[in-house]
């Protein structure tokens, strides 16, 4: 009885996460990629500033250790 309840709950979470994950991937793919497979301006902007932010964060972490 207890294992049936747990398996039902875990299957429900798994189904929810699979649906949400697919939806999120499709959403970002339509935002960052054109129908021809090229990157959009928003995609280039996002990747550029994400890389810049990551680089600044890493430099700050390294400078605090020195």
PDB file of N, CA and C in Angstrom:
ATOM      1  N   UNK A   1       0.826  -1.190   0.000  1.00  0.00           N
ATOM      2  CA  UNK A   1       0.000   0.000   0.000  1.00  0.00           C
ATOM      3  C   UNK A   1       0.873   1.258   0.000  1.00  0.00           C
ATOM      4  N   UNK A   2       1.873   1.328   0.890  1.00  0.00           N
ATOM      5  CA  UNK A   2       2.738   2.497   0.965  1.00  0.00           C
ATOM      6  C   UNK A   2       3.564   2.676  -0.297  1.00  0.00           C
ATOM      7  N   UNK A   3       4.038   1.572  -0.863  1.00  0.00           N
ATOM      8  CA  UNK A   3       4.858   1.673  -2.071  1.00  0.00           C
ATOM      9  C   UNK A   3       4.024   2.125  -3.264  1.00  0.00           C
ATOM     10  N   UNK A   4       2.750   1.781  -3.290  1.00  0.00           N
ATOM     11  CA  UNK A   4       1.877   2.233  -4.376  1.00  0.00           C
ATOM     12  C   UNK A   4       1.670   3.743  -4.324  1.00  0.00           C
ATOM     13  N   UNK A   5       1.534   4.261  -3.115  1.00  0.00           N
ATOM     14  CA  UNK A   5       1.362   5.704  -2.957  1.00  0.00           C
ATOM     15  C   UNK A   5       2.624   6.433  -3.404  1.00  0.00           C
ATOM     16  N   UNK A   6       3.771   5.939  -2.973  1.00  0.00           N
ATOM     17  CA  UNK A   6       5.044   6.572  -3.331  1.00  0.00           C
ATOM     18  C   UNK A   6       5.271   6.497  -4.836  1.00  0.00           C
ATOM     19  N   UNK A   7       4.998   5.345  -5.449  1.00  0.00           N
ATOM     20  CA  UNK A   7       5.207   5.227  -6.891  1.00  0.00           C
ATOM     21  C   UNK A   7       4.252   6.126  -7.663  1.00  0.00           C
ATOM     22  N   UNK A   8       3.037   6.293  -7.189  1.00  0.00           N
ATOM     23  CA  UNK A   8       2.092   7.199  -7.840  1.00  0.00           C
ATOM     24  C   UNK A   8       2.584   8.636  -7.784  1.00  0.00           C
ATOM     25  N   UNK A   9       3.072   9.040  -6.626  1.00  0.00           N
ATOM     26  CA  UNK A   9       3.569  10.409  -6.464  1.00  0.00           C
ATOM     27  C   UNK A   9       4.795  10.650  -7.338  1.00  0.00           C
ATOM     28  N   UNK A  10       5.734   9.710  -7.343  1.00  0.00           N
ATOM     29  CA  UNK A  10       6.948   9.897  -8.146  1.00  0.00           C
ATOM     30  C   UNK A  10       6.635   9.885  -9.636  1.00  0.00           C
ATOM     31  N   UNK A  11       5.693   9.062 -10.063  1.00  0.00           N
ATOM     32  CA  UNK A  11       5.310   9.056 -11.478  1.00  0.00           C
ATOM     33  C   UNK A  11       4.646  10.372 -11.868  1.00  0.00           C
ATOM     34  N   UNK A  12       3.855  10.945 -10.965  1.00  0.00           N
ATOM     35  CA  UNK A  12       3.218  12.228 -11.246  1.00  0.00           C
ATOM     36  C   UNK A  12       4.262  13.328 -11.386  1.00  0.00           C
ATOM     37  N   UNK A  13       5.242  13.357 -10.475  1.00  0.00           N
ATOM     38  CA  UNK A  13       6.321  14.346 -10.575  1.00  0.00           C
ATOM     39  C   UNK A  13       7.120  14.165 -11.854  1.00  0.00           C
ATOM     40  N   UNK A  14       7.407  12.926 -12.202  1.00  0.00           N
ATOM     41  CA  UNK A  14       8.180  12.645 -13.406  1.00  0.00           C
ATOM     42  C   UNK A  14       7.440  13.132 -14.643  1.00  0.00           C
ATOM     43  N   UNK A  15       6.142  12.867 -14.730  1.00  0.00           N
ATOM     44  CA  UNK A  15       5.359  13.331 -15.870  1.00  0.00           C
ATOM     45  C   UNK A  15       5.309  14.845 -15.961  1.00  0.00           C
ATOM     46  N   UNK A  16       5.165  15.490 -14.810  1.00  0.00           N
ATOM     47  CA  UNK A  16       5.123  16.957 -14.786  1.00  0.00           C
ATOM     48  C   UNK A  16       6.451  17.545 -15.246  1.00  0.00           C
ATOM     49  N   UNK A  17       7.551  17.006 -14.736  1.00  0.00           N
ATOM     50  CA  UNK A  17       8.871  17.532 -15.106  1.00  0.00           C
ATOM     51  C   UNK A  17       9.199  17.270 -16.559  1.00  0.00           C
ATOM     52  N   UNK A  18       8.800  16.120 -17.093  1.00  0.00           N
ATOM     53  CA  UNK A  18       9.065  15.842 -18.503  1.00  0.00           C
ATOM     54  C   UNK A  18       8.313  16.821 -19.390  1.00  0.00           C
ATOM     55  N   UNK A  19       7.066  17.097 -19.062  1.00  0.00           N
ATOM     56  CA  UNK A  19       6.284  18.049 -19.851  1.00  0.00           C
ATOM     57  C   UNK A  19       6.830  19.456 -19.736  1.00  0.00           C
ATOM     58  N   UNK A  20       7.205  19.851 -18.527  1.00  0.00           N
ATOM     59  CA  UNK A  20       7.755  21.194 -18.312  1.00  0.00           C
ATOM     60  C   UNK A  20       9.096  21.338 -19.008  1.00  0.00           C
ATOM     61  N   UNK A  21       9.932  20.333 -18.910  1.00  0.00           N
ATOM     62  CA  UNK A  21      11.257  20.389 -19.532  1.00  0.00           C
ATOM     63  C   UNK A  21      11.164  20.539 -21.037  1.00  0.00           C
ATOM     64  N   UNK A  22      10.284  19.780 -21.659  1.00  0.00           N
ATOM     65  CA  UNK A  22      10.107  19.876 -23.107  1.00  0.00           C
ATOM     66  C   UNK A  22       9.579  21.250 -23.491  1.00  0.00           C
ATOM     67  N   UNK A  23       8.650  21.764 -22.709  1.00  0.00           N
ATOM     68  CA  UNK A  23       8.099  23.088 -22.986  1.00  0.00           C
ATOM     69  C   UNK A  23       9.139  24.179 -22.869  1.00  0.00           C
ATOM     70  N   UNK A  24       9.982  24.089 -21.849  1.00  0.00           N
ATOM     71  CA  UNK A  24      11.028  25.097 -21.651  1.00  0.00           C
ATOM     72  C   UNK A  24      12.047  25.049 -22.784  1.00  0.00           C
ATOM     73  N   UNK A  25      12.438  23.856 -23.190  1.00  0.00           N
ATOM     74  CA  UNK A  25      13.405  23.714 -24.288  1.00  0.00           C
ATOM     75  C   UNK A  25      12.827  24.287 -25.574  1.00  0.00           C
ATOM     76  N   UNK A  26      11.582  23.965 -25.882  1.00  0.00           N
ATOM     77  CA  UNK A  26      10.957  24.491 -27.098  1.00  0.00           C
ATOM     78  C   UNK A  26      10.830  26.010 -27.052  1.00  0.00           C
ATOM     79  N   UNK A  27      10.511  26.550 -25.884  1.00  0.00           N
ATOM     80  CA  UNK A  27      10.385  28.001 -25.730  1.00  0.00           C
ATOM     81  C   UNK A  27      11.702  28.701 -26.033  1.00  0.00           C
ATOM     82  N   UNK A  28      12.794  28.221 -25.431  1.00  0.00           N
ATOM     83  CA  UNK A  28      14.082  28.859 -25.659  1.00  0.00           C
ATOM     84  C   UNK A  28      14.599  28.621 -27.067  1.00  0.00           C
ATOM     85  N   UNK A  29      14.243  27.483 -27.648  1.00  0.00           N
ATOM     86  CA  UNK A  29      14.678  27.224 -29.017  1.00  0.00           C
ATOM     87  C   UNK A  29      14.003  28.189 -29.986  1.00  0.00           C
ATOM     88  N   UNK A  30      12.728  28.481 -29.773  1.00  0.00           N
ATOM     89  CA  UNK A  30      12.064  29.437 -30.652  1.00  0.00           C
ATOM     90  C   UNK A  30      12.555  30.859 -30.423  1.00  0.00           C
ATOM     91  N   UNK A  31      12.992  31.175 -29.193  1.00  0.00           N
ATOM     92  CA  UNK A  31      13.522  32.515 -28.936  1.00  0.00           C
ATOM     93  C   UNK A  31      14.917  32.712 -29.519  1.00  0.00           C
ATOM     94  N   UNK A  32      15.744  31.687 -29.480  1.00  0.00           N
ATOM     95  CA  UNK A  32      17.154  31.836 -29.814  1.00  0.00           C
ATOM     96  C   UNK A  32      17.535  31.314 -31.190  1.00  0.00           C
ATOM     97  N   UNK A  33      16.587  30.699 -31.918  1.00  0.00           N
ATOM     98  CA  UNK A  33      16.935  30.096 -33.200  1.00  0.00           C
ATOM     99  C   UNK A  33      15.839  30.383 -34.216  1.00  0.00           C
ATOM    100  N   UNK A  34      16.245  30.735 -35.435  1.00  0.00           N
ATOM    101  CA  UNK A  34      15.270  30.977 -36.498  1.00  0.00           C
ATOM    102  C   UNK A  34      14.835  29.651 -37.105  1.00  0.00           C
ATOM    103  N   UNK A  35      13.889  29.708 -38.010  1.00  0.00           N
ATOM    104  CA  UNK A  35      13.418  28.486 -38.653  1.00  0.00           C
ATOM    105  C   UNK A  35      14.479  27.866 -39.558  1.00  0.00           C
ATOM    106  N   UNK A  36      15.440  28.670 -40.016  1.00  0.00           N
ATOM    107  CA  UNK A  36      16.528  28.149 -40.847  1.00  0.00           C
ATOM    108  C   UNK A  36      17.680  27.573 -40.022  1.00  0.00           C
ATOM    109  N   UNK A  37      17.609  27.686 -38.710  1.00  0.00           N
ATOM    110  CA  UNK A  37      18.661  27.167 -37.853  1.00  0.00           C
ATOM    111  C   UNK A  37      19.701  28.192 -37.464  1.00  0.00           C
ATOM    112  N   UNK A  38      19.527  29.436 -37.885  1.00  0.00           N
ATOM    113  CA  UNK A  38      20.459  30.497 -37.535  1.00  0.00           C
ATOM    114  C   UNK A  38      20.120  31.055 -36.159  1.00  0.00           C
ATOM    115  N   UNK A  39      21.122  31.637 -35.498  1.00  0.00           N
ATOM    116  CA  UNK A  39      20.870  32.262 -34.199  1.00  0.00           C
ATOM    117  C   UNK A  39      20.230  33.626 -34.397  1.00  0.00           C
ATOM    118  N   UNK A  40      19.293  33.958 -33.526  1.00  0.00           N
ATOM    119  CA  UNK A  40      18.673  35.284 -33.569  1.00  0.00           C
ATOM    120  C   UNK A  40      19.572  36.286 -32.861  1.00  0.00           C
ATOM    121  N   UNK A  41      19.233  37.557 -33.011  1.00  0.00           N
ATOM    122  CA  UNK A  41      20.000  38.608 -32.331  1.00  0.00           C
ATOM    123  C   UNK A  41      19.895  38.441 -30.816  1.00  0.00           C
ATOM    124  N   UNK A  42      18.721  38.049 -30.341  1.00  0.00           N
ATOM    125  CA  UNK A  42      18.541  37.809 -28.915  1.00  0.00           C
ATOM    126  C   UNK A  42      19.439  36.672 -28.435  1.00  0.00           C
ATOM    127  N   UNK A  43      19.595  35.633 -29.240  1.00  0.00           N
ATOM    128  CA  UNK A  43      20.464  34.515 -28.885  1.00  0.00           C
ATOM    129  C   UNK A  43      21.915  34.936 -28.781  1.00  0.00           C
ATOM    130  N   UNK A  44      22.371  35.729 -29.734  1.00  0.00           N
ATOM    131  CA  UNK A  44      23.755  36.206 -29.716  1.00  0.00           C
ATOM    132  C   UNK A  44      23.980  37.103 -28.512  1.00  0.00           C
ATOM    133  N   UNK A  45      23.051  38.006 -28.260  1.00  0.00           N
ATOM    134  CA  UNK A  45      23.127  38.910 -27.119  1.00  0.00           C
ATOM    135  C   UNK A  45      23.169  38.125 -25.801  1.00  0.00           C
ATOM    136  N   UNK A  46      22.293  37.134 -25.666  1.00  0.00           N
ATOM    137  CA  UNK A  46      22.221  36.331 -24.446  1.00  0.00           C
ATOM    138  C   UNK A  46      23.503  35.550 -24.208  1.00  0.00           C
ATOM    139  N   UNK A  47      23.998  34.878 -25.226  1.00  0.00           N
ATOM    140  CA  UNK A  47      25.231  34.098 -25.067  1.00  0.00           C
ATOM    141  C   UNK A  47      26.431  34.981 -24.771  1.00  0.00           C
ATOM    142  N   UNK A  48      26.500  36.143 -25.414  1.00  0.00           N
ATOM    143  CA  UNK A  48      27.613  37.053 -25.190  1.00  0.00           C
ATOM    144  C   UNK A  48      27.653  37.536 -23.747  1.00  0.00           C
ATOM    145  N   UNK A  49      26.517  38.021 -23.260  1.00  0.00           N
ATOM    146  CA  UNK A  49      26.510  38.569 -21.913  1.00  0.00           C
ATOM    147  C   UNK A  49      26.526  37.495 -20.833  1.00  0.00           C
ATOM    148  N   UNK A  50      26.063  36.285 -21.145  1.00  0.00           N
ATOM    149  CA  UNK A  50      26.213  35.180 -20.199  1.00  0.00           C
ATOM    150  C   UNK A  50      27.690  34.821 -20.052  1.00  0.00           C
ATOM    151  N   UNK A  51      28.410  34.754 -21.156  1.00  0.00           N
ATOM    152  CA  UNK A  51      29.843  34.477 -21.106  1.00  0.00           C
ATOM    153  C   UNK A  51      30.615  35.568 -20.405  1.00  0.00           C
ATOM    154  N   UNK A  52      30.256  36.802 -20.658  1.00  0.00           N
ATOM    155  CA  UNK A  52      30.918  37.921 -19.998  1.00  0.00           C
ATOM    156  C   UNK A  52      30.668  37.894 -18.495  1.00  0.00           C
ATOM    157  N   UNK A  53      29.432  37.624 -18.096  1.00  0.00           N
ATOM    158  CA  UNK A  53      29.108  37.531 -16.674  1.00  0.00           C
ATOM    159  C   UNK A  53      29.833  36.386 -15.992  1.00  0.00           C
ATOM    160  N   UNK A  54      29.934  35.253 -16.681  1.00  0.00           N
ATOM    161  CA  UNK A  54      30.654  34.108 -16.123  1.00  0.00           C
ATOM    162  C   UNK A  54      32.139  34.420 -15.973  1.00  0.00           C
ATOM    163  N   UNK A  55      32.711  35.106 -16.938  1.00  0.00           N
ATOM    164  CA  UNK A  55      34.131  35.470 -16.865  1.00  0.00           C
ATOM    165  C   UNK A  55      34.388  36.422 -15.706  1.00  0.00           C
ATOM    166  N   UNK A  56      33.528  37.415 -15.538  1.00  0.00           N
ATOM    167  CA  UNK A  56      33.697  38.366 -14.430  1.00  0.00           C
ATOM    168  C   UNK A  56      33.567  37.653 -13.094  1.00  0.00           C
ATOM    169  N   UNK A  57      32.613  36.734 -12.992  1.00  0.00           N
ATOM    170  CA  UNK A  57      32.423  35.977 -11.748  1.00  0.00           C
ATOM    171  C   UNK A  57      33.660  35.135 -11.422  1.00  0.00           C
ATOM    172  N   UNK A  58      34.224  34.486 -12.437  1.00  0.00           N
ATOM    173  CA  UNK A  58      35.410  33.654 -12.208  1.00  0.00           C
ATOM    174  C   UNK A  58      36.606  34.508 -11.787  1.00  0.00           C
ATOM    175  N   UNK A  59      36.785  35.658 -12.410  1.00  0.00           N
ATOM    176  CA  UNK A  59      37.896  36.538 -12.045  1.00  0.00           C
ATOM    177  C   UNK A  59      37.736  37.032 -10.620  1.00  0.00           C
ATOM    178  N   UNK A  60      36.520  37.381 -10.227  1.00  0.00           N
ATOM    179  CA  UNK A  60      36.278  37.822  -8.841  1.00  0.00           C
ATOM    180  C   UNK A  60      36.608  36.720  -7.846  1.00  0.00           C
ATOM    181  N   UNK A  61      36.185  35.488  -8.165  1.00  0.00           N
ATOM    182  CA  UNK A  61      36.469  34.357  -7.274  1.00  0.00           C
ATOM    183  C   UNK A  61      37.974  34.137  -7.134  1.00  0.00           C
ATOM    184  N   UNK A  62      38.694  34.238  -8.263  1.00  0.00           N
ATOM    185  CA  UNK A  62      40.140  34.037  -8.213  1.00  0.00           C
ATOM    186  C   UNK A  62      40.846  35.161  -7.483  1.00  0.00           C
ATOM    187  N   UNK A  63      40.378  36.391  -7.665  1.00  0.00           N
ATOM    188  CA  UNK A  63      41.017  37.524  -7.000  1.00  0.00           C
ATOM    189  C   UNK A  63      40.796  37.499  -5.492  1.00  0.00           C
ATOM    190  N   UNK A  64      39.701  36.958  -5.036  1.00  0.00           N
ATOM    191  CA  UNK A  64      39.460  36.873  -3.594  1.00  0.00           C
ATOM    192  C   UNK A  64      40.368  35.833  -2.929  1.00  0.00           C
ATOM    193  N   UNK A  65      40.802  34.860  -3.690  1.00  0.00           N
ATOM    194  CA  UNK A  65      41.698  33.827  -3.123  1.00  0.00           C
ATOM    195  C   UNK A  65      43.134  34.297  -3.043  1.00  0.00           C
ATOM    196  N   UNK A  66      43.481  35.299  -3.793  1.00  0.00           N
ATOM    197  CA  UNK A  66      44.867  35.762  -3.831  1.00  0.00           C
ATOM    198  C   UNK A  66      45.157  36.712  -2.740  1.00  0.00           C
TER     199      UNK A  66
END
